[in-house]
Amino acid sequence: MNEAETRAEPIDPAIKAAGWGVIEGVAMVQASTIQSAQESV
């Protein structure tokens, strides 16, 4: 399990259940890894 999965699976649901982090009209996206041009060659 990486950092993004750790946050998405056990942490985010617990935060939401506690009533935190829910703002009407605001959408959150999960972080993703971006590969540099040098790494893709």
C-alpha atoms as a PDB file:
ATOM      1  CA  MET A   1       0.000   0.000   0.000  1.00  0.00           C
ATOM      2  CA  ASN A   2       1.483   3.364  -0.999  1.00  0.00           C
ATOM      3  CA  GLU A   3       0.902   6.776   0.590  1.00  0.00           C
ATOM      4  CA  ALA A   4      -2.036   7.702  -1.666  1.00  0.00           C
ATOM      5  CA  GLU A   5      -3.772   4.361  -1.023  1.00  0.00           C
ATOM      6  CA  THR A   6      -3.197   4.678   2.720  1.00  0.00           C
ATOM      7  CA  ARG A   7      -4.864   8.080   2.692  1.00  0.00           C
ATOM      8  CA  ALA A   8      -7.713   7.028   0.391  1.00  0.00           C
ATOM      9  CA  GLU A   9      -8.658   3.782   2.126  1.00  0.00           C
ATOM     10  CA  PRO A  10      -8.428   4.092   5.944  1.00  0.00           C
ATOM     11  CA  ILE A  11      -7.842   7.823   6.505  1.00  0.00           C
ATOM     12  CA  ASP A  12     -10.290   9.639   4.185  1.00  0.00           C
ATOM     13  CA  PRO A  13     -13.350   7.611   5.305  1.00  0.00           C
ATOM     14  CA  ALA A  14     -12.469   8.245   8.969  1.00  0.00           C
ATOM     15  CA  ILE A  15     -12.126  11.984   8.344  1.00  0.00           C
ATOM     16  CA  LYS A  16     -15.440  12.065   6.479  1.00  0.00           C
ATOM     17  CA  ALA A  17     -17.183  10.023   9.211  1.00  0.00           C
ATOM     18  CA  ALA A  18     -15.967  12.566  11.777  1.00  0.00           C
ATOM     19  CA  GLY A  19     -17.581  15.352   9.712  1.00  0.00           C
ATOM     20  CA  TRP A  20     -14.295  16.881   8.585  1.00  0.00           C
ATOM     21  CA  GLY A  21     -13.221  17.701   5.052  1.00  0.00           C
ATOM     22  CA  VAL A  22     -16.690  17.883   3.556  1.00  0.00           C
ATOM     23  CA  ILE A  23     -17.237  21.235   1.831  1.00  0.00           C
ATOM     24  CA  GLU A  24     -20.269  21.638  -0.403  1.00  0.00           C
ATOM     25  CA  GLY A  25     -19.319  22.344  -4.010  1.00  0.00           C
ATOM     26  CA  VAL A  26     -15.675  21.287  -3.581  1.00  0.00           C
ATOM     27  CA  ALA A  27     -14.254  18.185  -5.243  1.00  0.00           C
ATOM     28  CA  MET A  28     -10.991  16.479  -4.289  1.00  0.00           C
ATOM     29  CA  VAL A  29      -8.894  14.285  -6.546  1.00  0.00           C
ATOM     30  CA  GLN A  30      -6.471  11.576  -5.523  1.00  0.00           C
ATOM     31  CA  ALA A  31      -2.787  12.376  -5.983  1.00  0.00           C
ATOM     32  CA  SER A  32      -0.925  10.560  -8.733  1.00  0.00           C
ATOM     33  CA  THR A  33       2.709  10.112  -9.699  1.00  0.00           C
ATOM     34  CA  ILE A  34       4.026  12.184 -12.591  1.00  0.00           C
ATOM     35  CA  GLN A  35       6.999  10.801 -14.465  1.00  0.00           C
ATOM     36  CA  SER A  36       9.585  13.287 -15.761  1.00  0.00           C
ATOM     37  CA  ALA A  37      10.576  13.315 -19.440  1.00  0.00           C
ATOM     38  CA  GLN A  38      14.054  12.105 -18.527  1.00  0.00           C
ATOM     39  CA  GLU A  39      12.683   9.076 -16.677  1.00  0.00           C
ATOM     40  CA  SER A  40      10.456   8.027 -19.591  1.00  0.00           C
ATOM     41  CA  VAL A  41      13.303   7.766 -22.135  1.00  0.00           C
END
